[in-house]
Structure formats: C-alpha cells, structure tokens
Amino acid sequence: MVLKHFIRRIYAGSLVCALILSSLLLAALLTAASASAQEQYTFKFATLVPPDTAWMKEIDRWAEEVYKKSNGRLKFKIYPGGVMGDEPDVLRKIRSRQLQGAFFTGYGVGRIYSSARVLEMPFLFKNTDESDYVRDKLMPEIEAGFRYKGFELLGWPEVGAIHFFSKKPIHSLEELKQRRIWLWQGDPIGEAFAEVAGVSPVPLSIIEVYTQLTAKHGSIDTVYNSAFGALTMQWHTKLSYATNVTMTNAIGALVVSNRFYKKLPDDLQKLLKTTGKEAGRRINEITRRDNVQSIKLLKESGIKFMWDWNEQEKQEMLAIRDKAAQKLIDSDYISKKMFTRTTKLLDEFRKKQAESKAAR
C-alpha cells in the first residue's frame, strides 16, 4: 500500500510538471509568434538626389509616412546625394544585399528593364500630355518587366525636361557638335544618338561631372540635365548657356528588390506599394512645378537660354532620332514590340486630340 501510494504521488507530481512545462512552452511559442508578427524591417534606400531639395523632402515624407503607418515595423535608412556612388554602383549594392532599393533615373532604369526607356526616347513626345497617356497604357507591362528582372516598381517620378548646358554659346546643331559634351558613361541611348549625330562625347560618371566642370582644363564644357537638376547639383555655377530646345522628358523609378519585398508581410508590401506610387506622383508634381521655377532662377543667375530650332534643324534631328531608335531596337535595348506599341499609342492619342479639337 505504501509503495502504491508513493507511485501515485510520483505520477501526480510528474503530471503537474508536465502541465507546467507545456504551459511554459505554449507561452514561449505565443511570445515568439507575437515577436515575429512585430518584426522590424529596415529599407536601405539610395539616391543621387541631393539633401535639402524638394525631391529629397518628399522622399523623407514618404519614409516618415511608411514608418508611422507600419507602427515602426518598416523604416527607411536613406543615403542621398550619391553617397553610395553612381547608379551602377547602387545597383550592384542592391544585388549584393548592401541596399534594398533606390530612386533611379532613366539611366539606372535602363540597367534593370531597358525597354522602359522608350518613354524618354529623345524628340518622340511633344508634351507631357502625350507621355502621360502612353506611360499609363504601358505601365502594366513595365511593372511586369521590372518584376521579371527581380525588382518591384513602387513609383514613377520624372526627372523632367532635359536641356543642354554649356560654357560656350550653342546656336545650332553644328555648334553643338563642336562642344566637349559629357555622356553618362555606359548609356546606350546617349551612345546611339552620339554615333548617329557624329558627336564625340566624353564618357564620365555623373559623380565626376562637377569636378570636370570646375577644373581649369576639365575634359567637358557641355552637359545635359533638367533645369532643376542643373540647379540642385550646382552645375549651373560653372556654366553660362542653355538650350531652349529640350531633348526629352526624362524618367525615373522608385524600386525595391524583390528579394527584400517578398520578405515583408502582405500588409507592409501593400503599404510600400501604395505609398510609393503616391510619392512618385507627388515628385512628378514637384518636378513640373520646380523645373519651370528653376528656369527663372537660372536666368536670374546669369544663364542665357538660346537656340530655337528652324524647320531644317527639326527635320535633321528627327532623322537622327529615327536612326538612333533603330540602332536601339536592333540591339534589343528597346524591344521592337515596346517601340511599336509606344508609337501606336502615341498616334492614337494624337488622333483623339485632333478629333477633339475639330469638334469644338
């Protein structure tokens, strides 16, 4: 009897211990699950955009919005002003997991999904109404192209209308050919246009431009940028002239690597996507507003705007565009399918505009 009673006590004690251990294990699992649900993520994001500019303030606003709406679960660590290097450097760092995303210009976009650069084909669109219409129609294909290349497209900010800026006057295409023109090193669109136009540009990283403009015997005397870009990057302080003629409305993209994006919970993916789209839209508004204001400021600083095309120059430049476009299609930098679809959409829009105008 004593033995049986002793065995029962041991069994009961073991059962109590087992229940306690089970409770502790369950509590630990629940705590771990709760901690996992509140896991924090850091989005390391780089851009060439200088600090304290309107564009950078919008990116900061975007980052703050994401942090607040995620209750601190998703925060940005931003590297502005090219501190992470030129766009090819940033792209390499994203692929090596040092960074997760960036604000790329068309140059960087071309290293991810090059066909998207059909939207900044020089001298293709006459105004932003045309490019907006075509862009909206192409966006599903562009997003799919980015995704296939390992990136999620979050927003589509513009850089704006691109002018030539020079230390010497530019009155004609022939004078432009005589200038020492900067070419963003490794840019297939710039290379194609330079070759067809008979221009011998000077390839440099964008990080080197200001230094070369400043140097007494610098390698370049002519660059291209938006009015806002030339102002914020301080290039205008080393230049005296700009063209009234613009080459294109340059594109940009807010992107995140799919590797990082897919790690995020569904609600944070949705948050990053919706707020990124809005940030891109707001930057476009800022760009269009500030590029107009920047031209005024550049003129006040002493930059003289000159050179309006005559009809002969216009036709010559359009012929150069067509030849350069064919080179880009032949090399598959811009797919023939994408180019054909773009021109069809452009014709469609222009026809609608003409019909609307005739009906008034």
Protein backbone atom coordinates (compact mmCIF):
# COMPACT_ATOMS: atom_id res chain seq x y z
CA MET A 1 0.00 0.00 0.00
CA VAL A 2 2.75 2.38 0.92
CA LEU A 3 4.52 1.60 -2.39
CA LYS A 4 1.35 2.16 -4.41
CA HIS A 5 0.73 5.47 -2.63
CA PHE A 6 4.32 6.54 -3.32
CA ILE A 7 3.98 5.66 -7.04
CA ARG A 8 0.74 7.67 -7.26
CA ARG A 9 2.47 10.70 -5.72
CA ILE A 10 5.33 10.43 -8.20
CA TYR A 11 2.90 10.11 -11.12
CA ALA A 12 0.82 13.08 -9.94
CA GLY A 13 3.97 15.15 -9.48
CA SER A 14 5.17 14.21 -12.95
CA LEU A 15 1.82 15.16 -14.44
CA VAL A 16 1.94 18.56 -12.73
CA CYS A 17 5.48 19.10 -14.01
CA ALA A 18 4.42 18.10 -17.50
CA LEU A 19 1.50 20.54 -17.39
CA ILE A 20 3.77 23.33 -16.16
CA LEU A 21 6.32 22.61 -18.87
CA SER A 22 3.59 22.50 -21.50
CA SER A 23 2.24 25.85 -20.30
CA LEU A 24 5.69 27.38 -20.38
CA LEU A 25 6.33 26.01 -23.86
CA LEU A 26 2.99 27.36 -25.10
CA ALA A 27 3.74 30.76 -23.59
CA ALA A 28 7.15 30.77 -25.24
CA LEU A 29 5.62 29.89 -28.61
CA LEU A 30 3.00 32.61 -28.28
CA THR A 31 5.67 35.14 -27.30
CA ALA A 32 7.80 34.13 -30.29
CA ALA A 33 4.79 34.37 -32.59
CA SER A 34 3.98 37.81 -31.23
CA ALA A 35 7.59 38.94 -31.67
CA SER A 36 7.61 37.58 -35.22
CA ALA A 37 4.38 39.42 -36.03
CA GLN A 38 6.02 42.65 -34.89
CA GLU A 39 9.35 42.04 -36.61
CA GLN A 40 11.04 45.23 -37.79
CA TYR A 41 12.44 45.74 -41.28
CA THR A 42 14.94 48.34 -42.49
CA PHE A 43 14.66 49.52 -46.09
CA LYS A 44 18.10 50.79 -47.16
CA PHE A 45 17.43 53.25 -49.97
CA ALA A 46 19.90 55.28 -52.09
CA THR A 47 19.53 58.18 -54.49
CA LEU A 48 21.57 60.78 -56.37
CA VAL A 49 19.10 63.43 -55.21
CA PRO A 50 20.94 65.98 -53.04
CA PRO A 51 19.81 66.55 -49.43
CA ASP A 52 17.56 69.52 -48.60
CA THR A 53 15.94 69.60 -52.05
CA ALA A 54 12.21 69.41 -52.74
CA TRP A 55 12.62 65.88 -54.14
CA MET A 56 14.54 64.72 -51.07
CA LYS A 57 11.98 66.25 -48.74
CA GLU A 58 9.28 64.24 -50.50
CA ILE A 59 11.30 61.04 -50.11
CA ASP A 60 11.75 61.86 -46.42
CA ARG A 61 7.99 62.46 -46.14
CA TRP A 62 7.35 59.08 -47.79
CA ALA A 63 9.72 57.36 -45.34
CA GLU A 64 8.03 59.01 -42.36
CA GLU A 65 4.57 58.02 -43.62
CA VAL A 66 5.62 54.38 -44.00
CA TYR A 67 7.17 54.33 -40.54
CA LYS A 68 4.06 55.77 -38.90
CA LYS A 69 1.53 53.66 -40.77
CA SER A 70 3.52 50.48 -40.08
CA ASN A 71 3.76 51.34 -36.37
CA GLY A 72 7.53 51.35 -36.65
CA ARG A 73 7.75 47.92 -38.30
CA LEU A 74 9.18 49.29 -41.57
CA LYS A 75 11.71 52.10 -41.50
CA PHE A 76 13.89 53.68 -44.18
CA LYS A 77 17.62 54.26 -43.98
CA ILE A 78 18.25 56.78 -46.76
CA TYR A 79 21.57 57.52 -48.48
CA PRO A 80 21.11 60.76 -50.51
CA GLY A 81 23.36 62.82 -52.75
CA GLY A 82 25.22 59.94 -54.39
CA VAL A 83 27.00 58.85 -51.20
CA MET A 84 26.53 55.24 -52.36
CA GLY A 85 28.08 56.05 -55.74
CA ASP A 86 26.76 56.36 -59.26
CA GLU A 87 23.64 54.41 -60.25
CA PRO A 88 25.55 51.34 -61.49
CA ASP A 89 27.28 51.25 -58.07
CA VAL A 90 23.92 51.44 -56.31
CA LEU A 91 22.51 48.67 -58.46
CA ARG A 92 25.47 46.43 -57.64
CA LYS A 93 24.97 47.13 -53.94
CA ILE A 94 21.30 46.21 -54.19
CA ARG A 95 22.19 42.94 -55.87
CA SER A 96 24.82 42.20 -53.22
CA ARG A 97 22.24 42.99 -50.48
CA GLN A 98 24.02 46.08 -49.11
CA LEU A 99 20.98 48.10 -50.19
CA GLN A 100 17.37 47.17 -50.92
CA GLY A 101 16.10 49.98 -53.15
CA ALA A 102 16.71 53.29 -54.89
CA PHE A 103 15.39 56.26 -56.80
CA PHE A 104 16.88 55.65 -60.24
CA THR A 105 16.87 58.00 -63.22
CA GLY A 106 16.30 56.57 -66.69
CA TYR A 107 19.98 55.62 -66.81
CA GLY A 108 19.54 53.27 -63.86
CA VAL A 109 16.15 52.10 -65.15
CA GLY A 110 17.89 51.01 -68.33
CA ARG A 111 20.13 48.68 -66.34
CA ILE A 112 17.07 46.93 -64.93
CA TYR A 113 14.43 46.95 -67.66
CA SER A 114 15.81 48.85 -70.63
CA SER A 115 12.65 48.80 -72.79
CA ALA A 116 11.00 51.18 -70.29
CA ARG A 117 13.32 53.88 -71.62
CA VAL A 118 11.19 54.14 -74.72
CA LEU A 119 9.34 56.71 -72.58
CA GLU A 120 12.36 59.03 -72.71
CA MET A 121 13.30 58.48 -76.32
CA PRO A 122 14.59 61.93 -77.37
CA PHE A 123 12.28 64.03 -79.54
CA LEU A 124 9.48 61.44 -79.51
CA PHE A 125 6.87 63.19 -77.34
CA LYS A 126 5.82 66.78 -77.91
CA ASN A 127 4.49 67.36 -74.39
CA THR A 128 3.74 65.67 -71.07
CA ASP A 129 0.10 65.04 -72.04
CA GLU A 130 1.39 62.67 -74.71
CA SER A 131 3.93 60.95 -72.48
CA ASP A 132 1.42 60.65 -69.61
CA TYR A 133 -1.11 58.92 -71.84
CA VAL A 134 1.40 56.44 -73.26
CA ARG A 135 3.00 55.78 -69.86
CA ASP A 136 -0.33 54.94 -68.23
CA LYS A 137 -1.13 52.48 -71.00
CA LEU A 138 2.31 50.84 -70.83
CA MET A 139 2.61 50.71 -67.04
CA PRO A 140 1.29 47.13 -66.55
CA GLU A 141 3.93 45.86 -69.00
CA ILE A 142 6.64 47.97 -67.39
CA GLU A 143 5.79 46.73 -63.89
CA ALA A 144 5.87 43.14 -65.18
CA GLY A 145 9.24 43.81 -66.81
CA PHE A 146 10.72 45.11 -63.54
CA ARG A 147 9.31 42.15 -61.64
CA TYR A 148 10.82 39.69 -64.11
CA LYS A 149 14.19 41.38 -63.57
CA GLY A 150 13.97 40.99 -59.79
CA PHE A 151 12.52 44.35 -58.76
CA GLU A 152 9.19 45.75 -57.67
CA LEU A 153 8.35 49.12 -59.19
CA LEU A 154 6.96 51.33 -56.43
CA GLY A 155 6.65 54.74 -58.09
CA TRP A 156 7.37 56.55 -61.33
CA PRO A 157 8.82 60.03 -60.68
CA GLU A 158 10.08 62.21 -63.51
CA VAL A 159 13.41 64.00 -63.74
CA GLY A 160 11.91 66.46 -66.22
CA ALA A 161 12.69 68.20 -69.49
CA ILE A 162 16.36 67.86 -70.44
CA HIS A 163 18.34 70.83 -71.78
CA PHE A 164 21.94 71.17 -72.91
CA PHE A 165 24.02 73.47 -70.67
CA SER A 166 27.35 74.82 -71.85
CA LYS A 167 30.25 77.13 -71.12
CA LYS A 168 30.07 78.39 -74.70
CA PRO A 169 27.10 79.54 -76.80
CA ILE A 170 25.12 76.99 -78.81
CA HIS A 171 23.22 78.42 -81.78
CA SER A 172 22.93 75.31 -83.94
CA LEU A 173 23.44 71.57 -84.20
CA GLU A 174 26.77 72.20 -85.89
CA GLU A 175 27.96 74.28 -82.92
CA LEU A 176 26.76 71.57 -80.55
CA LYS A 177 28.88 69.02 -82.39
CA GLN A 178 31.96 71.14 -81.71
CA ARG A 179 31.47 71.08 -77.94
CA ARG A 180 33.11 68.68 -75.47
CA ILE A 181 29.84 67.06 -74.42
CA TRP A 182 29.53 64.90 -71.34
CA LEU A 183 27.99 61.46 -71.86
CA TRP A 184 26.82 59.47 -68.87
CA GLN A 185 29.30 56.62 -69.15
CA GLY A 186 27.73 53.41 -70.43
CA ASP A 187 24.41 54.94 -71.51
CA PRO A 188 23.24 53.12 -74.69
CA ILE A 189 20.75 55.84 -75.66
CA GLY A 190 23.38 58.57 -75.42
CA GLU A 191 25.87 56.42 -77.30
CA ALA A 192 23.41 55.69 -80.11
CA PHE A 193 22.48 59.35 -80.59
CA ALA A 194 26.10 60.50 -80.43
CA GLU A 195 27.16 57.98 -83.07
CA VAL A 196 24.35 58.83 -85.48
CA ALA A 197 24.75 62.60 -84.95
CA GLY A 198 28.51 62.47 -85.48
CA VAL A 199 29.28 63.73 -81.98
CA SER A 200 32.31 62.57 -79.99
CA PRO A 201 31.21 62.84 -76.35
CA VAL A 202 33.31 62.44 -73.21
CA PRO A 203 32.10 59.45 -71.13
CA LEU A 204 32.12 60.13 -67.39
CA SER A 205 30.30 59.02 -64.28
CA ILE A 206 27.74 61.61 -63.16
CA ILE A 207 29.75 61.87 -59.93
CA GLU A 208 32.69 63.29 -61.94
CA VAL A 209 30.77 65.99 -63.82
CA TYR A 210 31.04 68.84 -61.31
CA THR A 211 34.76 68.22 -60.80
CA GLN A 212 35.44 68.30 -64.53
CA LEU A 213 33.37 71.45 -65.00
CA THR A 214 35.32 73.09 -62.17
CA ALA A 215 38.79 72.06 -63.30
CA LYS A 216 40.77 74.68 -65.24
CA HIS A 217 41.44 72.18 -68.02
CA GLY A 218 38.42 69.95 -67.47
CA SER A 219 37.51 67.36 -70.08
CA ILE A 220 33.98 68.71 -70.71
CA ASP A 221 32.34 72.06 -71.40
CA THR A 222 28.77 70.91 -72.14
CA VAL A 223 26.34 68.75 -70.16
CA TYR A 224 22.66 67.83 -70.17
CA ASN A 225 20.21 67.84 -67.29
CA SER A 226 16.84 69.19 -66.23
CA ALA A 227 16.78 72.82 -65.10
CA PHE A 228 16.05 71.67 -61.56
CA GLY A 229 18.84 69.08 -61.70
CA ALA A 230 21.42 71.57 -63.00
CA LEU A 231 20.48 73.95 -60.21
CA THR A 232 20.42 71.49 -57.30
CA MET A 233 23.65 69.77 -58.37
CA GLN A 234 25.31 73.20 -58.66
CA TRP A 235 26.39 72.58 -62.26
CA HIS A 236 24.92 75.92 -63.26
CA THR A 237 27.63 77.74 -61.29
CA LYS A 238 30.20 76.56 -63.86
CA LEU A 239 28.09 77.17 -66.98
CA SER A 240 26.84 80.19 -68.93
CA TYR A 241 24.41 78.96 -71.61
CA ALA A 242 21.46 76.60 -72.05
CA THR A 243 19.29 75.50 -74.95
CA ASN A 244 15.63 76.39 -75.28
CA VAL A 245 15.30 73.11 -77.18
CA THR A 246 14.71 70.14 -74.88
CA MET A 247 15.66 66.57 -75.77
CA THR A 248 13.20 64.59 -73.73
CA ASN A 249 11.16 64.39 -70.54
CA ALA A 250 13.48 62.18 -68.51
CA ILE A 251 12.01 59.34 -66.47
CA GLY A 252 12.78 57.88 -63.06
CA ALA A 253 11.70 55.00 -60.83
CA LEU A 254 11.36 54.17 -57.14
CA VAL A 255 12.28 50.50 -56.85
CA VAL A 256 12.81 47.77 -54.26
CA SER A 257 14.48 44.41 -54.78
CA ASN A 258 12.02 41.53 -54.92
CA ARG A 259 14.24 39.63 -52.52
CA PHE A 260 13.55 42.22 -49.79
CA TYR A 261 9.97 42.98 -50.87
CA LYS A 262 8.87 39.35 -50.68
CA LYS A 263 10.22 39.05 -47.12
CA LEU A 264 7.76 41.69 -45.98
CA PRO A 265 4.36 40.66 -44.60
CA ASP A 266 1.47 41.28 -47.00
CA ASP A 267 0.31 44.43 -45.23
CA LEU A 268 3.78 46.01 -45.43
CA GLN A 269 4.08 45.08 -49.11
CA LYS A 270 0.78 46.81 -49.78
CA LEU A 271 1.81 49.83 -47.69
CA LEU A 272 5.13 50.23 -49.52
CA LYS A 273 3.44 49.85 -52.90
CA THR A 274 0.58 52.30 -52.32
CA THR A 275 2.70 54.98 -50.64
CA GLY A 276 5.46 54.58 -53.24
CA LYS A 277 3.00 55.21 -56.06
CA GLU A 278 1.78 58.35 -54.30
CA ALA A 279 5.36 59.52 -53.65
CA GLY A 280 6.14 59.13 -57.36
CA ARG A 281 3.05 61.14 -58.28
CA ARG A 282 3.95 63.90 -55.82
CA ILE A 283 7.54 64.08 -57.09
CA ASN A 284 6.13 64.50 -60.61
CA GLU A 285 4.09 67.46 -59.42
CA ILE A 286 7.16 68.94 -57.75
CA THR A 287 9.29 68.31 -60.84
CA ARG A 288 6.92 70.02 -63.25
CA ARG A 289 6.46 72.96 -60.92
CA ASP A 290 10.09 73.37 -59.93
CA ASN A 291 11.55 72.94 -63.41
CA VAL A 292 9.56 75.98 -64.53
CA GLN A 293 10.73 77.94 -61.49
CA SER A 294 14.30 76.68 -61.95
CA ILE A 295 14.49 78.14 -65.46
CA LYS A 296 13.63 81.55 -64.00
CA LEU A 297 16.26 81.12 -61.28
CA LEU A 298 18.87 80.00 -63.80
CA LYS A 299 18.19 83.07 -65.95
CA GLU A 300 18.48 85.28 -62.87
CA SER A 301 21.83 83.63 -62.07
CA GLY A 302 23.14 84.64 -65.50
CA ILE A 303 22.44 81.53 -67.61
CA LYS A 304 21.42 82.62 -71.11
CA PHE A 305 18.88 80.37 -72.84
CA MET A 306 19.22 80.19 -76.63
CA TRP A 307 18.73 78.14 -79.80
CA ASP A 308 15.24 77.52 -81.12
CA TRP A 309 15.11 75.06 -84.00
CA ASN A 310 14.33 76.11 -87.52
CA GLU A 311 12.40 73.61 -89.65
CA GLN A 312 15.52 72.20 -91.32
CA GLU A 313 17.19 71.52 -87.96
CA LYS A 314 13.99 69.94 -86.67
CA GLN A 315 13.82 67.51 -89.58
CA GLU A 316 17.53 66.74 -89.26
CA MET A 317 17.13 65.97 -85.56
CA LEU A 318 14.08 63.77 -86.16
CA ALA A 319 16.06 61.83 -88.77
CA ILE A 320 18.83 61.33 -86.20
CA ARG A 321 16.22 60.14 -83.70
CA ASP A 322 14.82 57.56 -86.12
CA LYS A 323 18.28 56.17 -86.93
CA ALA A 324 19.24 56.05 -83.25
CA ALA A 325 15.94 54.37 -82.37
CA GLN A 326 16.60 51.70 -84.99
CA LYS A 327 20.04 51.04 -83.51
CA LEU A 328 18.49 50.62 -80.08
CA ILE A 329 15.86 48.26 -81.47
CA ASP A 330 18.44 46.25 -83.41
CA SER A 331 20.47 45.79 -80.22
CA ASP A 332 17.26 44.90 -78.32
CA TYR A 333 17.99 47.59 -75.75
CA ILE A 334 14.45 48.73 -76.51
CA SER A 335 12.33 45.87 -77.79
CA LYS A 336 10.71 46.28 -81.19
CA LYS A 337 7.39 45.25 -79.63
CA MET A 338 7.60 48.00 -77.00
CA PHE A 339 8.64 50.65 -79.52
CA THR A 340 5.86 49.71 -81.93
CA ARG A 341 3.27 49.74 -79.16
CA THR A 342 4.52 53.14 -77.98
CA THR A 343 4.26 54.74 -81.41
CA LYS A 344 0.79 53.25 -81.95
CA LEU A 345 -0.41 54.63 -78.61
CA LEU A 346 1.11 58.00 -79.46
CA ASP A 347 -0.66 58.06 -82.83
CA GLU A 348 -3.88 57.04 -81.06
CA PHE A 349 -3.59 59.93 -78.61
CA ARG A 350 -2.76 62.48 -81.29
CA LYS A 351 -5.73 61.34 -83.35
CA LYS A 352 -8.05 61.73 -80.35
CA GLN A 353 -6.65 65.18 -79.68
CA ALA A 354 -7.14 66.22 -83.29
CA GLU A 355 -10.71 64.93 -83.33
CA SER A 356 -11.48 66.71 -80.06
CA LYS A 357 -10.04 69.94 -81.40
CA ALA A 358 -12.02 69.66 -84.65
CA ALA A 359 -15.26 69.05 -82.74
CA ARG A 360 -15.00 72.32 -80.79
